[in-house]
Amino acid sequence: MKTVSRNWVASVQVALSLLGFPYSTGTSGICRKNAINSIPSLCSSTSVYMSPVAHIKARCPVYPGSDTSRFHVPDDKVDWKTDWPRYSPVNYTASTVLKKPVWADPEIGAFSPLFNSLDGSVDRRSHEGQYCIQNGKPLNPHGRTGLEGRGLLGRWGPNHAADPIVTRWKRDSKGQLVHHTTSQLPMLQFVSIKRLDCGEWAIPGGMVDPGECISQTLQREFSEEAMNTLQASASERENIQKRITKLFSSEGLQVYKGYVDDPRNTDNAWMETVAINFHDESGNSVSELPLQAGDDAGQVSWIDVDSSLALYANHLHFLETVAKERNTHW
């Protein structure tokens, strides 16, 4: 699988070193030495305390699916290393999570999770490196959100997801590639769903089940959300799965692996994902199948890839990477 190279850590390290700041780097992030020594916690020198851009959607004023307002966190107070004695996050965990469904952890104190580790079949490791533990609870590696607890998320710490970005070339009625009138570059289309929970358009995807590998999640979520295989007949399901399996068996382009700026994130629970692009080059694979919304999707459609799109979380960033890697219109 081809992976998009990301070397911003090394670049930041060089810049900070030239400026004389005491930063040390690990393989997956940046940690300022003694950055949060005022917080009693367990953390290593490879922990991630800062991000190149402060999360924004994770600080949305009202937590999704509730009337709970977050404690306001200005941009200059997001980073945990910034001393802020007045910080008083609101505690909120949705009732659906507290009812102890199979996909959710118990409350801290009722069990002893192995953070930063593979905890049985539950992967509590972060794609971004080691994260800190404070008072028995994990700290969001990208900083304060104004809300503690788990909100709508089931796991303490990282909640792992997978996002399949299925693309094809936009073609005219004669089958010729369509080029954008301004950029003169060929145009891509991608499969997008309209989420039932918030009404925003998004890349179809979902949570990685305990013990499940990423490739299984990618195929399962696309089948359920964009093809509605859960409601398909046995013969229809067989045909759909045959084509999807063929496409997803091809070499995919990993465009992102890490933290997601998601409105469901809290100080103690956050979304992470692996986003992989599967491109139907000839248009005779998944492109020929009728899309049908299922599972968590209200609508599903092929949508032109363009920088003007408004998408859920940081999905637009994923598409930008796809467009630039494939040298298409953006």
Protein backbone atom coordinates (compact mmCIF):
# COMPACT_ATOMS: atom_id res chain seq x y z
CA MET A 1 0.00 0.00 0.00
CA LYS A 2 1.32 3.38 -0.99
CA THR A 3 1.56 5.86 1.86
CA VAL A 4 1.69 9.63 1.59
CA SER A 5 4.87 10.83 3.29
CA ARG A 6 4.48 13.35 6.10
CA ASN A 7 7.65 14.96 7.44
CA TRP A 8 6.25 17.95 9.29
CA VAL A 9 7.65 16.65 12.59
CA ALA A 10 11.20 16.81 11.32
CA SER A 11 10.63 20.28 9.87
CA VAL A 12 9.21 21.57 13.14
CA GLN A 13 12.09 20.04 15.07
CA VAL A 14 14.66 21.84 12.92
CA ALA A 15 12.81 25.15 13.19
CA LEU A 16 12.48 24.90 16.97
CA SER A 17 16.11 23.90 17.36
CA LEU A 18 17.23 26.94 15.38
CA LEU A 19 15.14 29.13 17.65
CA GLY A 20 16.63 27.52 20.73
CA PHE A 21 13.46 25.97 22.16
CA PRO A 22 13.90 22.84 24.33
CA TYR A 23 11.85 20.38 22.31
CA SER A 24 12.51 16.70 21.87
CA THR A 25 10.87 14.57 19.23
CA GLY A 26 9.71 10.99 19.00
CA THR A 27 8.73 9.00 15.98
CA SER A 28 5.10 10.03 16.19
CA GLY A 29 4.96 13.51 17.61
CA ILE A 30 6.53 16.34 19.58
CA CYS A 31 7.00 16.75 23.29
CA ARG A 32 8.33 19.77 25.07
CA LYS A 33 10.54 18.67 27.94
CA ASN A 34 8.86 19.26 31.31
CA ALA A 35 5.99 20.79 29.34
CA ILE A 36 3.22 20.03 31.78
CA ASN A 37 5.11 19.52 35.01
CA SER A 38 2.27 21.22 36.86
CA ILE A 39 -0.04 18.33 35.95
CA PRO A 40 0.36 15.08 37.90
CA SER A 41 0.41 12.52 35.12
CA LEU A 42 2.20 9.60 33.55
CA CYS A 43 3.80 10.41 30.23
CA SER A 44 6.93 9.70 28.24
CA SER A 45 9.24 11.89 26.20
CA THR A 46 7.52 10.71 23.01
CA SER A 47 4.08 11.94 24.05
CA VAL A 48 2.26 14.37 21.79
CA TYR A 49 1.38 17.64 23.54
CA MET A 50 0.99 19.93 20.60
CA SER A 51 -0.25 19.90 17.02
CA PRO A 52 0.68 22.13 14.12
CA VAL A 53 -2.90 23.46 14.11
CA ALA A 54 -5.15 23.55 17.19
CA HIS A 55 -8.26 21.44 16.83
CA ILE A 56 -11.36 23.51 16.10
CA LYS A 57 -14.37 21.21 15.67
CA ALA A 58 -13.41 19.43 18.88
CA ARG A 59 -14.13 22.75 20.65
CA CYS A 60 -17.58 23.34 19.14
CA PRO A 61 -19.66 25.43 21.63
CA VAL A 62 -22.43 22.83 22.15
CA TYR A 63 -21.59 19.15 22.28
CA PRO A 64 -23.38 17.23 19.47
CA GLY A 65 -26.57 15.39 20.35
CA SER A 66 -26.98 17.30 23.60
CA ASP A 67 -27.67 20.68 25.21
CA THR A 68 -24.32 20.58 27.00
CA SER A 69 -22.14 23.64 26.43
CA ARG A 70 -18.39 23.25 26.54
CA PHE A 71 -16.16 25.38 28.74
CA HIS A 72 -14.79 27.92 26.27
CA VAL A 73 -11.18 27.24 25.29
CA PRO A 74 -9.45 30.03 23.34
CA ASP A 75 -6.75 29.14 20.82
CA ASP A 76 -3.90 30.14 23.13
CA LYS A 77 -5.14 27.83 25.90
CA VAL A 78 -5.62 24.63 23.91
CA ASP A 79 -2.15 23.24 24.54
CA TRP A 80 -1.83 21.32 27.82
CA LYS A 81 1.59 22.84 28.42
CA THR A 82 -0.04 26.25 28.82
CA ASP A 83 -0.69 26.83 32.50
CA TRP A 84 -4.39 27.61 33.06
CA PRO A 85 -5.53 27.21 36.69
CA ARG A 86 -9.03 28.48 35.87
CA TYR A 87 -9.71 25.69 33.39
CA SER A 88 -12.94 23.96 34.47
CA PRO A 89 -14.20 21.58 31.77
CA VAL A 90 -17.81 20.38 31.82
CA ASN A 91 -18.20 16.67 32.58
CA TYR A 92 -20.45 14.85 30.13
CA THR A 93 -20.92 11.27 29.01
CA ALA A 94 -24.02 10.43 26.98
CA SER A 95 -26.63 8.17 28.54
CA THR A 96 -26.28 5.78 25.60
CA VAL A 97 -22.65 5.23 26.63
CA LEU A 98 -23.42 4.93 30.35
CA LYS A 99 -25.91 2.13 29.62
CA LYS A 100 -22.85 -0.06 28.99
CA PRO A 101 -23.35 -1.24 25.40
CA VAL A 102 -20.84 -3.81 24.17
CA TRP A 103 -18.88 -1.14 22.27
CA ALA A 104 -18.30 1.05 25.33
CA ASP A 105 -15.90 0.94 28.28
CA PRO A 106 -17.10 1.07 31.89
CA GLU A 107 -16.41 4.16 33.97
CA ILE A 108 -12.87 4.64 35.26
CA GLY A 109 -12.66 2.95 38.65
CA ALA A 110 -14.92 0.11 37.56
CA PHE A 111 -12.12 -1.42 35.48
CA SER A 112 -8.39 -1.04 34.90
CA PRO A 113 -7.66 -0.35 31.22
CA LEU A 114 -4.14 -0.76 29.87
CA PHE A 115 -3.65 2.60 28.17
CA ASN A 116 -1.06 3.00 25.41
CA SER A 117 -1.25 -0.75 24.90
CA LEU A 118 -3.12 -3.51 23.11
CA ASP A 119 -5.58 -4.24 25.91
CA GLY A 120 -6.87 -7.71 25.08
CA SER A 121 -8.73 -7.19 21.79
CA VAL A 122 -9.13 -3.43 22.33
CA ASP A 123 -6.34 -1.33 20.84
CA ARG A 124 -5.71 1.60 23.20
CA ARG A 125 -2.57 2.72 21.35
CA SER A 126 -2.63 6.05 19.54
CA HIS A 127 -1.44 6.55 15.97
CA GLU A 128 0.23 9.70 17.29
CA GLY A 129 2.43 8.10 19.94
CA GLN A 130 2.23 7.87 23.73
CA TYR A 131 -0.42 9.99 25.43
CA CYS A 132 -0.49 11.15 29.05
CA ILE A 133 -2.62 9.78 31.86
CA GLN A 134 -3.92 12.18 34.51
CA ASN A 135 -5.86 10.95 37.54
CA GLY A 136 -6.33 7.60 35.84
CA LYS A 137 -7.75 9.15 32.67
CA PRO A 138 -6.07 9.69 29.28
CA LEU A 139 -5.45 13.24 28.06
CA ASN A 140 -6.37 14.28 24.53
CA PRO A 141 -3.01 14.58 22.72
CA HIS A 142 -4.16 17.65 20.80
CA GLY A 143 -5.13 19.62 23.89
CA ARG A 144 -8.11 20.93 25.79
CA THR A 145 -11.65 20.66 24.43
CA GLY A 146 -13.69 22.24 27.24
CA LEU A 147 -15.39 18.95 28.10
CA GLU A 148 -14.23 15.92 30.06
CA GLY A 149 -15.69 12.42 30.15
CA ARG A 150 -16.45 10.49 26.97
CA GLY A 151 -19.39 12.32 25.40
CA LEU A 152 -20.72 10.03 22.67
CA LEU A 153 -17.53 7.99 22.37
CA GLY A 154 -17.33 4.51 23.81
CA ARG A 155 -13.64 4.20 24.61
CA TRP A 156 -11.46 6.13 26.99
CA GLY A 157 -8.55 7.43 24.96
CA PRO A 158 -8.36 6.77 21.21
CA ASN A 159 -11.48 5.53 19.42
CA HIS A 160 -10.24 3.96 16.20
CA ALA A 161 -12.06 4.32 12.89
CA ALA A 162 -11.34 3.64 9.22
CA ASP A 163 -12.44 5.78 6.26
CA PRO A 164 -12.48 4.33 2.72
CA ILE A 165 -12.23 7.08 0.09
CA VAL A 166 -13.61 5.50 -3.09
CA THR A 167 -12.99 7.59 -6.20
CA ARG A 168 -13.51 7.46 -9.96
CA TRP A 169 -12.90 9.81 -12.90
CA LYS A 170 -15.72 12.16 -13.81
CA ARG A 171 -16.74 11.33 -17.39
CA ASP A 172 -19.10 12.84 -19.94
CA SER A 173 -21.85 11.01 -21.82
CA LYS A 174 -19.26 9.70 -24.31
CA GLY A 175 -17.05 8.30 -21.57
CA GLN A 176 -14.36 10.96 -21.93
CA LEU A 177 -12.65 12.47 -18.90
CA VAL A 178 -14.12 15.80 -17.78
CA HIS A 179 -11.58 18.58 -17.15
CA HIS A 180 -12.31 21.54 -14.90
CA THR A 181 -12.84 24.77 -16.83
CA THR A 182 -10.46 26.74 -14.62
CA SER A 183 -7.67 24.36 -13.62
CA GLN A 184 -7.89 22.31 -16.84
CA LEU A 185 -7.15 19.25 -14.72
CA PRO A 186 -9.23 16.05 -14.82
CA MET A 187 -11.92 15.83 -12.15
CA LEU A 188 -12.42 13.12 -9.56
CA GLN A 189 -15.65 12.04 -7.93
CA PHE A 190 -15.92 10.29 -4.59
CA VAL A 191 -18.61 8.35 -2.77
CA SER A 192 -20.09 10.52 -0.02
CA ILE A 193 -22.81 9.89 2.53
CA LYS A 194 -25.01 12.34 4.39
CA ARG A 195 -24.76 11.49 8.06
CA LEU A 196 -28.01 10.92 9.92
CA ASP A 197 -26.66 12.27 13.22
CA CYS A 198 -25.67 15.75 12.05
CA GLY A 199 -26.78 16.11 8.44
CA GLU A 200 -23.24 16.75 7.15
CA TRP A 201 -21.77 15.08 4.08
CA ALA A 202 -18.86 12.79 4.85
CA ILE A 203 -16.66 9.94 3.69
CA PRO A 204 -18.36 6.64 4.58
CA GLY A 205 -16.53 4.98 7.44
CA GLY A 206 -16.90 3.66 10.93
CA MET A 207 -15.39 2.22 14.04
CA VAL A 208 -12.87 -0.59 14.06
CA ASP A 209 -14.34 -3.48 16.02
CA PRO A 210 -12.17 -5.13 18.70
CA GLY A 211 -9.81 -7.62 17.06
CA GLU A 212 -10.72 -6.41 13.56
CA CYS A 213 -8.02 -5.40 11.08
CA ILE A 214 -8.29 -2.10 9.23
CA SER A 215 -8.86 -3.74 5.82
CA GLN A 216 -11.93 -5.54 7.16
CA THR A 217 -13.35 -2.33 8.62
CA LEU A 218 -12.85 -0.39 5.39
CA GLN A 219 -14.71 -2.94 3.31
CA ARG A 220 -17.46 -3.56 5.87
CA GLU A 221 -18.27 0.10 6.43
CA PHE A 222 -18.35 0.95 2.72
CA SER A 223 -20.60 -2.03 2.03
CA GLU A 224 -23.03 -1.16 4.81
CA GLU A 225 -23.18 2.62 4.42
CA ALA A 226 -22.87 3.14 0.65
CA MET A 227 -24.29 -0.10 -0.70
CA ASN A 228 -26.76 -1.04 2.08
CA THR A 229 -25.67 -4.67 2.00
CA LEU A 230 -27.44 -5.29 5.30
CA GLN A 231 -30.78 -5.00 3.47
CA ALA A 232 -29.72 -6.59 0.16
CA SER A 233 -30.82 -10.03 -0.97
CA ALA A 234 -28.33 -12.89 -0.89
CA SER A 235 -27.69 -12.68 -4.66
CA GLU A 236 -27.35 -8.89 -4.60
CA ARG A 237 -25.01 -9.05 -1.63
CA GLU A 238 -22.82 -11.61 -3.41
CA ASN A 239 -22.49 -9.40 -6.51
CA ILE A 240 -21.75 -6.29 -4.44
CA GLN A 241 -19.18 -8.03 -2.28
CA LYS A 242 -17.43 -9.49 -5.33
CA ARG A 243 -16.88 -6.04 -6.85
CA ILE A 244 -16.00 -4.35 -3.59
CA THR A 245 -13.53 -7.07 -2.69
CA LYS A 246 -11.85 -6.67 -6.09
CA LEU A 247 -11.50 -2.90 -5.67
CA PHE A 248 -10.37 -3.08 -2.06
CA SER A 249 -7.83 -5.77 -2.92
CA SER A 250 -6.06 -3.31 -5.21
CA GLU A 251 -3.22 -1.15 -3.94
CA GLY A 252 -4.75 1.66 -1.93
CA LEU A 253 -3.30 5.07 -1.19
CA GLN A 254 -3.06 5.76 2.54
CA VAL A 255 -3.70 9.49 2.76
CA TYR A 256 -3.99 9.92 6.51
CA LYS A 257 -3.37 8.12 9.79
CA GLY A 258 -3.89 9.94 13.06
CA TYR A 259 -6.04 12.26 15.14
CA VAL A 260 -9.37 13.51 13.78
CA ASP A 261 -10.68 16.97 14.65
CA ASP A 262 -14.13 15.59 15.49
CA PRO A 263 -16.93 17.41 17.36
CA ARG A 264 -17.42 14.31 19.54
CA ASN A 265 -13.92 14.56 21.02
CA THR A 266 -13.40 15.33 24.70
CA ASP A 267 -10.41 15.81 27.01
CA ASN A 268 -10.42 12.07 27.70
CA ALA A 269 -11.75 10.45 24.52
CA TRP A 270 -11.03 11.23 20.89
CA MET A 271 -11.34 9.94 17.35
CA GLU A 272 -8.44 8.63 15.28
CA THR A 273 -8.63 7.15 11.81
CA VAL A 274 -6.84 5.60 8.90
CA ALA A 275 -8.08 7.01 5.58
CA ILE A 276 -7.28 5.01 2.43
CA ASN A 277 -8.13 5.91 -1.16
CA PHE A 278 -9.30 3.15 -3.50
CA HIS A 279 -9.55 4.41 -7.08
CA ASP A 280 -11.78 2.78 -9.71
CA GLU A 281 -9.52 3.72 -12.63
CA SER A 282 -11.52 2.09 -15.42
CA GLY A 283 -14.95 2.80 -13.94
CA ASN A 284 -16.11 -0.79 -14.34
CA SER A 285 -15.92 -1.85 -10.71
CA VAL A 286 -17.88 -0.20 -7.91
CA SER A 287 -18.78 2.67 -10.27
CA GLU A 288 -21.27 0.42 -12.07
CA LEU A 289 -23.13 -0.50 -8.89
CA PRO A 290 -26.15 1.56 -7.77
CA LEU A 291 -25.45 3.42 -4.55
CA GLN A 292 -27.96 2.92 -1.75
CA ALA A 293 -27.74 4.56 1.66
CA GLY A 294 -27.71 2.24 4.62
CA ASP A 295 -26.75 1.92 8.28
CA ASP A 296 -25.80 5.45 9.51
CA ALA A 297 -26.30 7.18 6.14
CA GLY A 298 -29.30 9.29 5.15
CA GLN A 299 -28.19 9.77 1.54
CA VAL A 300 -25.34 8.57 -0.65
CA SER A 301 -24.00 10.01 -3.88
CA TRP A 302 -21.00 10.43 -6.18
CA ILE A 303 -19.77 13.99 -5.58
CA ASP A 304 -17.20 16.04 -7.48
CA VAL A 305 -13.96 16.52 -5.56
CA ASP A 306 -13.50 20.27 -5.05
CA SER A 307 -12.00 22.57 -2.42
CA SER A 308 -15.33 24.35 -1.94
CA LEU A 309 -16.99 21.32 -0.33
CA ALA A 310 -18.17 21.47 3.27
CA LEU A 311 -17.56 18.08 4.86
CA TYR A 312 -17.67 16.46 8.30
CA ALA A 313 -14.64 16.67 10.62
CA ASN A 314 -11.41 17.00 8.62
CA HIS A 315 -12.57 14.88 5.68
CA LEU A 316 -11.91 17.76 3.27
CA HIS A 317 -8.23 17.54 4.16
CA PHE A 318 -8.24 13.85 3.19
CA LEU A 319 -9.71 14.69 -0.22
CA GLU A 320 -7.18 17.44 -0.78
CA THR A 321 -4.39 14.92 -0.29
CA VAL A 322 -6.04 12.50 -2.73
CA ALA A 323 -6.47 15.22 -5.38
CA LYS A 324 -2.88 16.41 -5.11
CA GLU A 325 -1.43 12.89 -5.11
CA ARG A 326 -3.41 12.00 -8.24
CA ASN A 327 -2.73 15.38 -9.90
CA THR A 328 -6.40 16.24 -10.37
CA HIS A 329 -8.54 19.33 -9.94
CA TRP A 330 -8.78 20.76 -6.46
